[in-house]
Amino acid sequence: MTPYVLTLLVSFLSDFLISGGAAYTAAMVGSGSTQVPPRAALILALVSGLVAGGRRLQALMTTPPLPPVPHP
């Protein structure tokens, strides 16, 4: 696995877990009328994680690579 692919994978997974975990936690700690069922919270976390991970992948893949640094 090349370093570029590994960077894309780690970036996607980190954003997926952070955003999905935050969405799940926020949905589950609600009280009264704001609390959602566990299944809906899981779906919300999955969608939120996929969107965040997809945005990170898009940003990484559309940014041109930096030129090599010349050594003196």
Foldseek 3Di string as FASTA:
>chain_A
DDPLVVVLVVLLVVQLCVQLVVQLVVQCPDDDPSHDDNVVSNVRSNVRSNVRSVVVNVVSVPDDDDDDDDDD
